[in-house]
Amino acid sequence: MSTPLLRAAFERNESKAHQEWIHWRGSVDLNAFSPEDFATLPLLSRRLAPWIENDSSKAILLGICKQAWSRNQTLLGKLVRVCGQLKSRNLHPVITGTPAAALLANRAQTGISLGIPRLSKLDLLLPVQDIPAAIETLRAVGWQSKEPAVRNSISQIYLADAQNDVCTIRWRLLSTPPSVASEYAAIPKIELEYMGAPQTVADPAWLLAYALTQSSRQSWLRRAWFLLECGVDWDHLQCAFYWSESPQPALSRTKILEAESGRSIPVTPPPHRSKLSSIRHDYAAVHEARENQIAGLLPYLRARWSVHSNARLPGLALRMAADWIRRGQSNT
């Protein structure tokens, strides 16, 4: 399913990656570039220079990567401004989608040098009750709705600015409607700084689950593999599947991702739907206790043990306690 170009981007062995590049370069016509190759090429931007030193199309290839970088800077700058405008109204956006992946890549501890994921729009998650205020805030600074109204049957709305750049405002990533209200609280969040301002980014495990369930047939492997390299907590990925309305396709794609990447992804099928409500409740309790440091060690262990035992994961108490203590020390 993967292409030589995609394998060249993510293969950790430099020699093998170079061979994949040679294979792709010998078979491609740059005048008939596929959209998927166009999106994939910038992912090689940090390892490309020595490979194309004597390539007659060096300027074209580097130009594609530079164009992606420049476009990303424009969109990420808008993203920071939009987040600041929402925060000024006491709203708390979480960056999702490819913009989140781009920011996470800057902090990833990985065996390869991650390149540039090509951005096409802004992507934010907010609690469902904050959506009207978010729309009002962005309209006041020039963004216009591309959807007539917020409807319960969809998961996001689209706004566009004067340059026709699009901002997706979503109130769910994976959940079915009865669980929408609790999904925002349950998603683990990462705090980082970008362009001198603090930003909140969705956990890569949840972004990976979204890529496995929602991304198009052409792009899902590229997006999922990139997020895998950003560093994924397997417990978070397992629990993210509990909010998914289509976990079985995601599990099938997980097997493909394992085969393509050579990485083991230890997730199991979610239990019967009758158990999902209690698991989701316990999982939300885990993250409320862990992030707010309010519930004490024993309630935290009880909630997390419930999640792990329902998921048929190891659920080791020592690991849970160590996690609690480590996080408590980092907050002091």
C-alpha atoms as a PDB file:
ATOM      1  CA  MET A   1       0.000   0.000   0.000  1.00  0.00           C
ATOM      2  CA  SER A   2       2.863   2.403   0.694  1.00  0.00           C
ATOM      3  CA  THR A   3       4.882   4.018  -2.070  1.00  0.00           C
ATOM      4  CA  PRO A   4       8.676   4.109  -2.403  1.00  0.00           C
ATOM      5  CA  LEU A   5       8.524   7.833  -1.605  1.00  0.00           C
ATOM      6  CA  LEU A   6       6.620   7.205   1.617  1.00  0.00           C
ATOM      7  CA  ARG A   7       9.068   4.501   2.654  1.00  0.00           C
ATOM      8  CA  ALA A   8      11.956   6.835   1.853  1.00  0.00           C
ATOM      9  CA  ALA A   9      10.440   9.376   4.254  1.00  0.00           C
ATOM     10  CA  PHE A  10      10.043   7.048   7.239  1.00  0.00           C
ATOM     11  CA  GLU A  11      12.613   4.279   6.816  1.00  0.00           C
ATOM     12  CA  ARG A  12      15.023   4.621   9.736  1.00  0.00           C
ATOM     13  CA  ASN A  13      17.923   2.971   7.931  1.00  0.00           C
ATOM     14  CA  GLU A  14      19.452   5.770   5.852  1.00  0.00           C
ATOM     15  CA  SER A  15      20.821   3.410   3.195  1.00  0.00           C
ATOM     16  CA  LYS A  16      17.471   1.666   2.719  1.00  0.00           C
ATOM     17  CA  ALA A  17      15.697   5.018   2.631  1.00  0.00           C
ATOM     18  CA  HIS A  18      18.077   6.198  -0.089  1.00  0.00           C
ATOM     19  CA  GLN A  19      17.376   3.066  -2.136  1.00  0.00           C
ATOM     20  CA  GLU A  20      13.641   3.712  -1.890  1.00  0.00           C
ATOM     21  CA  TRP A  21      14.300   7.260  -3.110  1.00  0.00           C
ATOM     22  CA  ILE A  22      16.294   5.998  -6.088  1.00  0.00           C
ATOM     23  CA  HIS A  23      13.470   3.583  -6.928  1.00  0.00           C
ATOM     24  CA  TRP A  24      10.868   6.359  -6.777  1.00  0.00           C
ATOM     25  CA  ARG A  25      12.970   8.930  -8.605  1.00  0.00           C
ATOM     26  CA  GLY A  26      13.656   6.527 -11.461  1.00  0.00           C
ATOM     27  CA  SER A  27       9.967   5.849 -12.010  1.00  0.00           C
ATOM     28  CA  VAL A  28       8.334   9.252 -11.570  1.00  0.00           C
ATOM     29  CA  ASP A  29       7.568  11.949 -14.108  1.00  0.00           C
ATOM     30  CA  LEU A  30       7.776  15.313 -12.360  1.00  0.00           C
ATOM     31  CA  ASN A  31       5.395  16.707 -14.976  1.00  0.00           C
ATOM     32  CA  ALA A  32       2.747  14.238 -13.794  1.00  0.00           C
ATOM     33  CA  PHE A  33       3.211  14.467 -10.040  1.00  0.00           C
ATOM     34  CA  SER A  34       0.425  12.673  -8.134  1.00  0.00           C
ATOM     35  CA  PRO A  35      -1.302  14.626  -5.327  1.00  0.00           C
ATOM     36  CA  GLU A  36      -0.139  12.050  -2.789  1.00  0.00           C
ATOM     37  CA  ASP A  37       3.512  12.313  -3.881  1.00  0.00           C
ATOM     38  CA  PHE A  38       3.174  16.104  -3.818  1.00  0.00           C
ATOM     39  CA  ALA A  39       2.040  15.880  -0.178  1.00  0.00           C
ATOM     40  CA  THR A  40       4.672  13.291   0.740  1.00  0.00           C
ATOM     41  CA  LEU A  41       7.803  14.874  -0.761  1.00  0.00           C
ATOM     42  CA  PRO A  42       8.184  17.611   1.931  1.00  0.00           C
ATOM     43  CA  LEU A  43       8.381  14.844   4.546  1.00  0.00           C
ATOM     44  CA  LEU A  44      11.839  14.096   3.140  1.00  0.00           C
ATOM     45  CA  SER A  45      13.015  17.697   3.368  1.00  0.00           C
ATOM     46  CA  ARG A  46      15.592  17.060   6.132  1.00  0.00           C
ATOM     47  CA  ARG A  47      17.304  14.122   4.438  1.00  0.00           C
ATOM     48  CA  LEU A  48      16.896  15.102   0.776  1.00  0.00           C
ATOM     49  CA  ALA A  49      19.878  17.389   0.045  1.00  0.00           C
ATOM     50  CA  PRO A  50      22.632  14.770  -0.454  1.00  0.00           C
ATOM     51  CA  TRP A  51      20.317  12.584  -2.515  1.00  0.00           C
ATOM     52  CA  ILE A  52      19.630  15.223  -5.155  1.00  0.00           C
ATOM     53  CA  GLU A  53      23.008  16.949  -5.334  1.00  0.00           C
ATOM     54  CA  ASN A  54      23.417  15.965  -8.989  1.00  0.00           C
ATOM     55  CA  ASP A  55      19.728  15.710  -9.904  1.00  0.00           C
ATOM     56  CA  SER A  56      18.814  17.849 -12.920  1.00  0.00           C
ATOM     57  CA  SER A  57      15.467  18.594 -11.226  1.00  0.00           C
ATOM     58  CA  LYS A  58      17.037  19.606  -7.914  1.00  0.00           C
ATOM     59  CA  ALA A  59      15.540  23.105  -8.039  1.00  0.00           C
ATOM     60  CA  ILE A  60      12.036  21.744  -8.654  1.00  0.00           C
ATOM     61  CA  LEU A  61      12.259  19.202  -5.831  1.00  0.00           C
ATOM     62  CA  LEU A  62      13.638  21.700  -3.307  1.00  0.00           C
ATOM     63  CA  GLY A  63      11.113  24.279  -4.482  1.00  0.00           C
ATOM     64  CA  ILE A  64       8.236  21.949  -3.602  1.00  0.00           C
ATOM     65  CA  CYS A  65       9.632  21.509  -0.098  1.00  0.00           C
ATOM     66  CA  LYS A  66      10.248  25.242   0.362  1.00  0.00           C
ATOM     67  CA  GLN A  67       6.746  26.054  -0.842  1.00  0.00           C
ATOM     68  CA  ALA A  68       5.300  23.645   1.735  1.00  0.00           C
ATOM     69  CA  TRP A  69       7.426  25.198   4.498  1.00  0.00           C
ATOM     70  CA  SER A  70       6.384  28.725   3.526  1.00  0.00           C
ATOM     71  CA  ARG A  71       2.711  27.793   3.347  1.00  0.00           C
ATOM     72  CA  ASN A  72       2.943  26.080   6.728  1.00  0.00           C
ATOM     73  CA  GLN A  73       4.435  29.198   8.328  1.00  0.00           C
ATOM     74  CA  THR A  74       1.540  31.277   7.029  1.00  0.00           C
ATOM     75  CA  LEU A  75      -1.096  28.860   8.327  1.00  0.00           C
ATOM     76  CA  LEU A  76       0.613  28.267  11.674  1.00  0.00           C
ATOM     77  CA  GLY A  77       0.884  32.025  12.170  1.00  0.00           C
ATOM     78  CA  LYS A  78      -2.858  32.323  11.577  1.00  0.00           C
ATOM     79  CA  LEU A  79      -3.427  29.398  13.925  1.00  0.00           C
ATOM     80  CA  VAL A  80      -1.571  31.117  16.758  1.00  0.00           C
ATOM     81  CA  ARG A  81      -3.566  34.320  16.207  1.00  0.00           C
ATOM     82  CA  VAL A  82      -6.886  32.441  16.129  1.00  0.00           C
ATOM     83  CA  CYS A  83      -6.035  30.578  19.330  1.00  0.00           C
ATOM     84  CA  GLY A  84      -5.111  33.858  20.986  1.00  0.00           C
ATOM     85  CA  GLN A  85      -8.403  35.439  19.930  1.00  0.00           C
ATOM     86  CA  LEU A  86     -10.373  32.504  21.315  1.00  0.00           C
ATOM     87  CA  LYS A  87      -8.417  32.510  24.577  1.00  0.00           C
ATOM     88  CA  SER A  88      -9.184  36.211  24.984  1.00  0.00           C
ATOM     89  CA  ARG A  89     -12.827  35.139  25.286  1.00  0.00           C
ATOM     90  CA  ASN A  90     -11.921  32.520  27.919  1.00  0.00           C
ATOM     91  CA  LEU A  91     -12.275  29.724  25.377  1.00  0.00           C
ATOM     92  CA  HIS A  92      -9.780  26.854  25.375  1.00  0.00           C
ATOM     93  CA  PRO A  93      -9.064  25.501  21.892  1.00  0.00           C
ATOM     94  CA  VAL A  94      -7.112  22.304  21.378  1.00  0.00           C
ATOM     95  CA  ILE A  95      -5.103  22.088  18.154  1.00  0.00           C
ATOM     96  CA  THR A  96      -5.894  18.944  16.172  1.00  0.00           C
ATOM     97  CA  GLY A  97      -5.317  17.526  12.702  1.00  0.00           C
ATOM     98  CA  THR A  98      -2.145  18.039  10.669  1.00  0.00           C
ATOM     99  CA  PRO A  99      -1.331  21.377  12.388  1.00  0.00           C
ATOM    100  CA  ALA A 100      -1.071  19.474  15.670  1.00  0.00           C
ATOM    101  CA  ALA A 101       1.181  16.890  14.041  1.00  0.00           C
ATOM    102  CA  ALA A 102       3.441  19.661  12.729  1.00  0.00           C
ATOM    103  CA  LEU A 103       3.860  21.105  16.222  1.00  0.00           C
ATOM    104  CA  LEU A 104       4.334  17.696  17.845  1.00  0.00           C
ATOM    105  CA  ALA A 105       7.059  16.820  15.353  1.00  0.00           C
ATOM    106  CA  ASN A 106       9.203  19.624  16.763  1.00  0.00           C
ATOM    107  CA  ARG A 107       9.365  17.848  20.123  1.00  0.00           C
ATOM    108  CA  ALA A 108       9.390  14.226  18.959  1.00  0.00           C
ATOM    109  CA  GLN A 109      12.177  11.948  20.167  1.00  0.00           C
ATOM    110  CA  THR A 110      12.469   9.655  17.187  1.00  0.00           C
ATOM    111  CA  GLY A 111      14.999   7.679  15.228  1.00  0.00           C
ATOM    112  CA  ILE A 112      14.577   9.820  12.113  1.00  0.00           C
ATOM    113  CA  SER A 113      14.489  13.517  11.367  1.00  0.00           C
ATOM    114  CA  LEU A 114      10.855  14.315  10.667  1.00  0.00           C
ATOM    115  CA  GLY A 115      10.220  16.574   7.708  1.00  0.00           C
ATOM    116  CA  ILE A 116       7.404  18.928   6.802  1.00  0.00           C
ATOM    117  CA  PRO A 117       3.786  17.718   6.917  1.00  0.00           C
ATOM    118  CA  ARG A 118       1.966  19.801   4.309  1.00  0.00           C
ATOM    119  CA  LEU A 119      -0.834  21.850   5.910  1.00  0.00           C
ATOM    120  CA  SER A 120      -4.026  22.769   4.114  1.00  0.00           C
ATOM    121  CA  LYS A 121      -6.135  24.354   6.893  1.00  0.00           C
ATOM    122  CA  LEU A 122      -6.411  25.185  10.583  1.00  0.00           C
ATOM    123  CA  ASP A 123      -8.003  22.568  12.836  1.00  0.00           C
ATOM    124  CA  LEU A 124      -9.313  23.160  16.369  1.00  0.00           C
ATOM    125  CA  LEU A 125     -11.359  21.249  18.935  1.00  0.00           C
ATOM    126  CA  LEU A 126     -13.588  22.958  21.509  1.00  0.00           C
ATOM    127  CA  PRO A 127     -16.287  21.809  23.942  1.00  0.00           C
ATOM    128  CA  VAL A 128     -19.617  21.644  22.166  1.00  0.00           C
ATOM    129  CA  GLN A 129     -21.105  24.329  24.439  1.00  0.00           C
ATOM    130  CA  ASP A 130     -18.354  26.780  23.400  1.00  0.00           C
ATOM    131  CA  ILE A 131     -18.944  26.501  19.659  1.00  0.00           C
ATOM    132  CA  PRO A 132     -21.374  29.469  19.346  1.00  0.00           C
ATOM    133  CA  ALA A 133     -18.991  31.785  21.232  1.00  0.00           C
ATOM    134  CA  ALA A 134     -16.062  30.573  19.095  1.00  0.00           C
ATOM    135  CA  ILE A 135     -17.966  31.308  15.886  1.00  0.00           C
ATOM    136  CA  GLU A 136     -18.968  34.748  17.139  1.00  0.00           C
ATOM    137  CA  THR A 137     -15.371  35.532  18.121  1.00  0.00           C
ATOM    138  CA  LEU A 138     -13.913  34.560  14.767  1.00  0.00           C
ATOM    139  CA  ARG A 139     -16.640  36.287  12.778  1.00  0.00           C
ATOM    140  CA  ALA A 140     -15.762  39.492  14.609  1.00  0.00           C
ATOM    141  CA  VAL A 141     -12.228  39.337  13.175  1.00  0.00           C
ATOM    142  CA  GLY A 142     -13.223  38.515   9.619  1.00  0.00           C
ATOM    143  CA  TRP A 143     -13.815  34.777   9.426  1.00  0.00           C
ATOM    144  CA  GLN A 144     -17.045  33.737   7.715  1.00  0.00           C
ATOM    145  CA  SER A 145     -18.966  30.501   8.203  1.00  0.00           C
ATOM    146  CA  LYS A 146     -19.023  28.112   5.295  1.00  0.00           C
ATOM    147  CA  GLU A 147     -21.831  26.119   6.978  1.00  0.00           C
ATOM    148  CA  PRO A 148     -25.274  27.647   7.626  1.00  0.00           C
ATOM    149  CA  ALA A 149     -25.534  26.496  11.238  1.00  0.00           C
ATOM    150  CA  VAL A 150     -24.208  24.131  13.873  1.00  0.00           C
ATOM    151  CA  ARG A 151     -26.041  20.832  13.516  1.00  0.00           C
ATOM    152  CA  ASN A 152     -25.947  17.851  15.850  1.00  0.00           C
ATOM    153  CA  SER A 153     -25.608  15.492  12.899  1.00  0.00           C
ATOM    154  CA  ILE A 154     -22.121  16.716  11.990  1.00  0.00           C
ATOM    155  CA  SER A 155     -18.921  17.023  13.939  1.00  0.00           C
ATOM    156  CA  GLN A 156     -17.470  20.302  12.694  1.00  0.00           C
ATOM    157  CA  ILE A 157     -18.081  23.551  10.895  1.00  0.00           C
ATOM    158  CA  TYR A 158     -15.830  25.415   8.508  1.00  0.00           C
ATOM    159  CA  LEU A 159     -14.914  29.079   8.480  1.00  0.00           C
ATOM    160  CA  ALA A 160     -12.895  30.957   5.853  1.00  0.00           C
ATOM    161  CA  ASP A 161     -10.991  34.243   6.009  1.00  0.00           C
ATOM    162  CA  ALA A 162     -10.434  36.875   3.324  1.00  0.00           C
ATOM    163  CA  GLN A 163      -7.615  34.782   1.793  1.00  0.00           C
ATOM    164  CA  ASN A 164      -9.984  31.788   1.662  1.00  0.00           C
ATOM    165  CA  ASP A 165      -7.926  29.871   4.199  1.00  0.00           C
ATOM    166  CA  VAL A 166     -10.133  27.467   6.113  1.00  0.00           C
ATOM    167  CA  CYS A 167     -10.419  26.897   9.856  1.00  0.00           C
ATOM    168  CA  THR A 168     -12.209  23.758  11.004  1.00  0.00           C
ATOM    169  CA  ILE A 169     -13.911  24.108  14.375  1.00  0.00           C
ATOM    170  CA  ARG A 170     -14.882  20.681  15.651  1.00  0.00           C
ATOM    171  CA  TRP A 171     -16.538  19.481  18.828  1.00  0.00           C
ATOM    172  CA  ARG A 172     -15.718  15.803  18.499  1.00  0.00           C
ATOM    173  CA  LEU A 173     -12.931  13.711  17.043  1.00  0.00           C
ATOM    174  CA  LEU A 174     -14.063  10.130  17.472  1.00  0.00           C
ATOM    175  CA  SER A 175     -17.152   9.977  19.641  1.00  0.00           C
ATOM    176  CA  THR A 176     -20.716   9.131  18.815  1.00  0.00           C
ATOM    177  CA  PRO A 177     -23.238  11.856  19.820  1.00  0.00           C
ATOM    178  CA  PRO A 178     -24.081  10.589  23.359  1.00  0.00           C
ATOM    179  CA  SER A 179     -20.407  10.865  24.350  1.00  0.00           C
ATOM    180  CA  VAL A 180     -19.543  14.191  22.716  1.00  0.00           C
ATOM    181  CA  ALA A 181     -19.743  16.186  25.960  1.00  0.00           C
ATOM    182  CA  SER A 182     -17.177  14.011  27.739  1.00  0.00           C
ATOM    183  CA  GLU A 183     -14.730  13.486  24.853  1.00  0.00           C
ATOM    184  CA  TYR A 184     -13.143  16.951  25.041  1.00  0.00           C
ATOM    185  CA  ALA A 185     -12.403  16.455  28.756  1.00  0.00           C
ATOM    186  CA  ALA A 186     -11.079  12.937  28.218  1.00  0.00           C
ATOM    187  CA  ILE A 187      -8.594  13.714  25.431  1.00  0.00           C
ATOM    188  CA  PRO A 188      -5.070  13.948  26.874  1.00  0.00           C
ATOM    189  CA  LYS A 189      -3.543  17.303  26.014  1.00  0.00           C
ATOM    190  CA  ILE A 190       0.035  18.447  25.517  1.00  0.00           C
ATOM    191  CA  GLU A 191       1.136  21.960  26.417  1.00  0.00           C
ATOM    192  CA  LEU A 192       3.921  23.453  24.330  1.00  0.00           C
ATOM    193  CA  GLU A 193       5.143  26.852  23.192  1.00  0.00           C
ATOM    194  CA  TYR A 194       5.086  28.047  19.612  1.00  0.00           C
ATOM    195  CA  MET A 195       5.802  31.539  18.271  1.00  0.00           C
ATOM    196  CA  GLY A 196       6.233  32.757  21.826  1.00  0.00           C
ATOM    197  CA  ALA A 197       2.787  31.691  22.974  1.00  0.00           C
ATOM    198  CA  PRO A 198       1.561  28.621  24.901  1.00  0.00           C
ATOM    199  CA  GLN A 199      -0.465  26.208  22.771  1.00  0.00           C
ATOM    200  CA  THR A 200      -2.578  23.179  23.663  1.00  0.00           C
ATOM    201  CA  VAL A 201      -2.259  20.238  21.295  1.00  0.00           C
ATOM    202  CA  ALA A 202      -4.222  16.991  21.220  1.00  0.00           C
ATOM    203  CA  ASP A 203      -2.378  13.866  22.260  1.00  0.00           C
ATOM    204  CA  PRO A 204      -0.778  12.093  19.256  1.00  0.00           C
ATOM    205  CA  ALA A 205      -2.522   8.824  20.153  1.00  0.00           C
ATOM    206  CA  TRP A 206      -5.929  10.416  19.648  1.00  0.00           C
ATOM    207  CA  LEU A 207      -4.762  12.072  16.448  1.00  0.00           C
ATOM    208  CA  LEU A 208      -3.547   8.677  15.267  1.00  0.00           C
ATOM    209  CA  ALA A 209      -6.893   7.073  16.097  1.00  0.00           C
ATOM    210  CA  TYR A 210      -8.583   9.814  14.090  1.00  0.00           C
ATOM    211  CA  ALA A 211      -6.241   9.262  11.138  1.00  0.00           C
ATOM    212  CA  LEU A 212      -6.977   5.540  11.259  1.00  0.00           C
ATOM    213  CA  THR A 213     -10.747   6.041  11.263  1.00  0.00           C
ATOM    214  CA  GLN A 214     -11.449   9.251   9.358  1.00  0.00           C
ATOM    215  CA  SER A 215      -8.683  10.083   6.889  1.00  0.00           C
ATOM    216  CA  SER A 216      -9.168   9.370   3.213  1.00  0.00           C
ATOM    217  CA  ARG A 217      -7.947   6.205   1.546  1.00  0.00           C
ATOM    218  CA  GLN A 218      -5.122   8.073  -0.166  1.00  0.00           C
ATOM    219  CA  SER A 219      -3.787   9.966   2.843  1.00  0.00           C
ATOM    220  CA  TRP A 220      -4.427   7.881   5.953  1.00  0.00           C
ATOM    221  CA  LEU A 221      -1.180   5.896   5.868  1.00  0.00           C
ATOM    222  CA  ARG A 222       0.973   8.993   5.373  1.00  0.00           C
ATOM    223  CA  ARG A 223      -0.749  10.806   8.254  1.00  0.00           C
ATOM    224  CA  ALA A 224      -0.815   7.794  10.566  1.00  0.00           C
ATOM    225  CA  TRP A 225       2.845   6.893   9.976  1.00  0.00           C
ATOM    226  CA  PHE A 226       3.925  10.476  10.662  1.00  0.00           C
ATOM    227  CA  LEU A 227       2.010  10.510  13.960  1.00  0.00           C
ATOM    228  CA  LEU A 228       3.478   7.145  14.901  1.00  0.00           C
ATOM    229  CA  GLU A 229       6.924   8.726  14.612  1.00  0.00           C
ATOM    230  CA  CYS A 230       5.818  11.608  16.868  1.00  0.00           C
ATOM    231  CA  GLY A 231       5.573   9.190  19.801  1.00  0.00           C
ATOM    232  CA  VAL A 232       2.361   7.412  20.835  1.00  0.00           C
ATOM    233  CA  ASP A 233       1.242   6.239  24.269  1.00  0.00           C
ATOM    234  CA  TRP A 234      -0.349   2.821  23.628  1.00  0.00           C
ATOM    235  CA  ASP A 235      -2.718   3.126  26.603  1.00  0.00           C
ATOM    236  CA  HIS A 236      -4.002   6.397  25.168  1.00  0.00           C
ATOM    237  CA  LEU A 237      -4.452   4.833  21.737  1.00  0.00           C
ATOM    238  CA  GLN A 238      -6.345   1.879  23.190  1.00  0.00           C
ATOM    239  CA  CYS A 239      -8.680   4.170  25.077  1.00  0.00           C
ATOM    240  CA  ALA A 240      -9.113   6.505  22.109  1.00  0.00           C
ATOM    241  CA  PHE A 241     -10.707   3.579  20.271  1.00  0.00           C
ATOM    242  CA  TYR A 242     -13.434   3.552  22.963  1.00  0.00           C
ATOM    243  CA  TRP A 243     -14.718   6.854  21.634  1.00  0.00           C
ATOM    244  CA  SER A 244     -14.550   5.752  18.007  1.00  0.00           C
ATOM    245  CA  GLU A 245     -17.765   5.193  16.118  1.00  0.00           C
ATOM    246  CA  SER A 246     -15.939   2.865  13.714  1.00  0.00           C
ATOM    247  CA  PRO A 247     -13.223   0.960  15.622  1.00  0.00           C
ATOM    248  CA  GLN A 248     -13.112  -2.095  13.359  1.00  0.00           C
ATOM    249  CA  PRO A 249     -11.826  -0.252  10.249  1.00  0.00           C
ATOM    250  CA  ALA A 250      -9.259   1.422  12.503  1.00  0.00           C
ATOM    251  CA  LEU A 251      -8.054  -1.943  13.769  1.00  0.00           C
ATOM    252  CA  SER A 252      -7.743  -3.204  10.192  1.00  0.00           C
ATOM    253  CA  ARG A 253      -5.689  -0.160   9.253  1.00  0.00           C
ATOM    254  CA  THR A 254      -3.576  -0.658  12.375  1.00  0.00           C
ATOM    255  CA  LYS A 255      -2.471  -4.034  11.010  1.00  0.00           C
ATOM    256  CA  ILE A 256      -1.480  -2.389   7.727  1.00  0.00           C
ATOM    257  CA  LEU A 257       0.434   0.314   9.580  1.00  0.00           C
ATOM    258  CA  GLU A 258       2.264  -2.347  11.602  1.00  0.00           C
ATOM    259  CA  ALA A 259       3.261  -4.192   8.434  1.00  0.00           C
ATOM    260  CA  GLU A 260       4.412  -1.049   6.619  1.00  0.00           C
ATOM    261  CA  SER A 261       6.288   0.544   9.510  1.00  0.00           C
ATOM    262  CA  GLY A 262       7.712  -2.598  11.084  1.00  0.00           C
ATOM    263  CA  ARG A 263       6.442  -1.354  14.449  1.00  0.00           C
ATOM    264  CA  SER A 264       4.274  -3.282  16.897  1.00  0.00           C
ATOM    265  CA  ILE A 265       1.075  -1.444  17.851  1.00  0.00           C
ATOM    266  CA  PRO A 266      -0.368  -3.231  20.918  1.00  0.00           C
ATOM    267  CA  VAL A 267      -4.088  -2.505  20.782  1.00  0.00           C
ATOM    268  CA  THR A 268      -7.015  -4.895  21.160  1.00  0.00           C
ATOM    269  CA  PRO A 269     -10.606  -4.746  19.885  1.00  0.00           C
ATOM    270  CA  PRO A 270     -12.870  -2.625  22.115  1.00  0.00           C
ATOM    271  CA  PRO A 271     -15.334  -4.568  24.275  1.00  0.00           C
ATOM    272  CA  HIS A 272     -19.036  -4.780  23.625  1.00  0.00           C
ATOM    273  CA  ARG A 273     -20.828  -1.440  23.303  1.00  0.00           C
ATOM    274  CA  SER A 274     -22.721  -2.126  26.528  1.00  0.00           C
ATOM    275  CA  LYS A 275     -19.442  -1.656  28.443  1.00  0.00           C
ATOM    276  CA  LEU A 276     -18.231   1.432  26.630  1.00  0.00           C
ATOM    277  CA  SER A 277     -20.178   3.995  28.665  1.00  0.00           C
ATOM    278  CA  SER A 278     -18.627   2.931  31.992  1.00  0.00           C
ATOM    279  CA  ILE A 279     -15.159   2.671  30.439  1.00  0.00           C
ATOM    280  CA  ARG A 280     -15.432   6.156  28.972  1.00  0.00           C
ATOM    281  CA  HIS A 281     -16.548   7.496  32.357  1.00  0.00           C
ATOM    282  CA  ASP A 282     -13.610   5.858  34.128  1.00  0.00           C
ATOM    283  CA  TYR A 283     -11.153   7.032  31.486  1.00  0.00           C
ATOM    284  CA  ALA A 284     -12.376  10.621  31.862  1.00  0.00           C
ATOM    285  CA  ALA A 285     -11.905  10.242  35.625  1.00  0.00           C
ATOM    286  CA  VAL A 286      -8.344   9.061  35.101  1.00  0.00           C
ATOM    287  CA  HIS A 287      -7.386  12.169  33.181  1.00  0.00           C
ATOM    288  CA  GLU A 288      -9.282  14.548  35.459  1.00  0.00           C
ATOM    289  CA  ALA A 289      -7.429  13.107  38.450  1.00  0.00           C
ATOM    290  CA  ARG A 290      -4.077  13.079  36.704  1.00  0.00           C
ATOM    291  CA  GLU A 291      -4.282  16.570  35.214  1.00  0.00           C
ATOM    292  CA  ASN A 292      -5.909  18.365  38.140  1.00  0.00           C
ATOM    293  CA  GLN A 293      -4.196  16.452  40.962  1.00  0.00           C
ATOM    294  CA  ILE A 294      -7.420  16.501  42.979  1.00  0.00           C
ATOM    295  CA  ALA A 295      -8.553  12.932  43.468  1.00  0.00           C
ATOM    296  CA  GLY A 296      -5.695  11.349  45.385  1.00  0.00           C
ATOM    297  CA  LEU A 297      -3.710   8.259  44.505  1.00  0.00           C
ATOM    298  CA  LEU A 298      -6.256   5.566  45.399  1.00  0.00           C
ATOM    299  CA  PRO A 299      -9.174   6.993  43.353  1.00  0.00           C
ATOM    300  CA  TYR A 300      -6.767   7.480  40.474  1.00  0.00           C
ATOM    301  CA  LEU A 301      -5.601   3.867  40.666  1.00  0.00           C
ATOM    302  CA  ARG A 302      -9.201   2.610  40.917  1.00  0.00           C
ATOM    303  CA  ALA A 303     -10.264   4.513  37.828  1.00  0.00           C
ATOM    304  CA  ARG A 304      -7.238   3.527  35.802  1.00  0.00           C
ATOM    305  CA  TRP A 305      -7.449  -0.101  36.903  1.00  0.00           C
ATOM    306  CA  SER A 306     -11.051  -0.146  35.671  1.00  0.00           C
ATOM    307  CA  VAL A 307      -9.959   1.149  32.288  1.00  0.00           C
ATOM    308  CA  HIS A 308      -7.162  -1.373  31.953  1.00  0.00           C
ATOM    309  CA  SER A 309      -9.109  -4.392  33.175  1.00  0.00           C
ATOM    310  CA  ASN A 310     -11.985  -3.606  30.839  1.00  0.00           C
ATOM    311  CA  ALA A 311      -9.514  -3.192  28.018  1.00  0.00           C
ATOM    312  CA  ARG A 312      -7.835  -6.475  28.891  1.00  0.00           C
ATOM    313  CA  LEU A 313      -4.515  -4.605  29.195  1.00  0.00           C
ATOM    314  CA  PRO A 314      -1.914  -5.396  31.881  1.00  0.00           C
ATOM    315  CA  GLY A 315      -2.947  -2.520  34.174  1.00  0.00           C
ATOM    316  CA  LEU A 316       0.038  -2.877  36.471  1.00  0.00           C
ATOM    317  CA  ALA A 317      -0.479  -0.979  39.724  1.00  0.00           C
ATOM    318  CA  LEU A 318       3.205  -0.141  40.096  1.00  0.00           C
ATOM    319  CA  ARG A 319       3.253   1.515  36.694  1.00  0.00           C
ATOM    320  CA  MET A 320       0.119   3.482  37.579  1.00  0.00           C
ATOM    321  CA  ALA A 321       1.581   4.670  40.871  1.00  0.00           C
ATOM    322  CA  ALA A 322       4.843   5.649  39.196  1.00  0.00           C
ATOM    323  CA  ASP A 323       2.903   7.594  36.588  1.00  0.00           C
ATOM    324  CA  TRP A 324       0.977   9.442  39.296  1.00  0.00           C
ATOM    325  CA  ILE A 325       4.112  10.239  41.325  1.00  0.00           C
ATOM    326  CA  ARG A 326       6.063  11.374  38.251  1.00  0.00           C
ATOM    327  CA  ARG A 327       3.315  13.722  37.170  1.00  0.00           C
ATOM    328  CA  GLY A 328       2.860  15.022  40.676  1.00  0.00           C
ATOM    329  CA  GLN A 329       6.571  15.839  40.911  1.00  0.00           C
ATOM    330  CA  SER A 330       6.525  17.589  37.516  1.00  0.00           C
ATOM    331  CA  ASN A 331       3.740  19.870  38.767  1.00  0.00           C
ATOM    332  CA  THR A 332       5.635  20.961  41.877  1.00  0.00           C
END
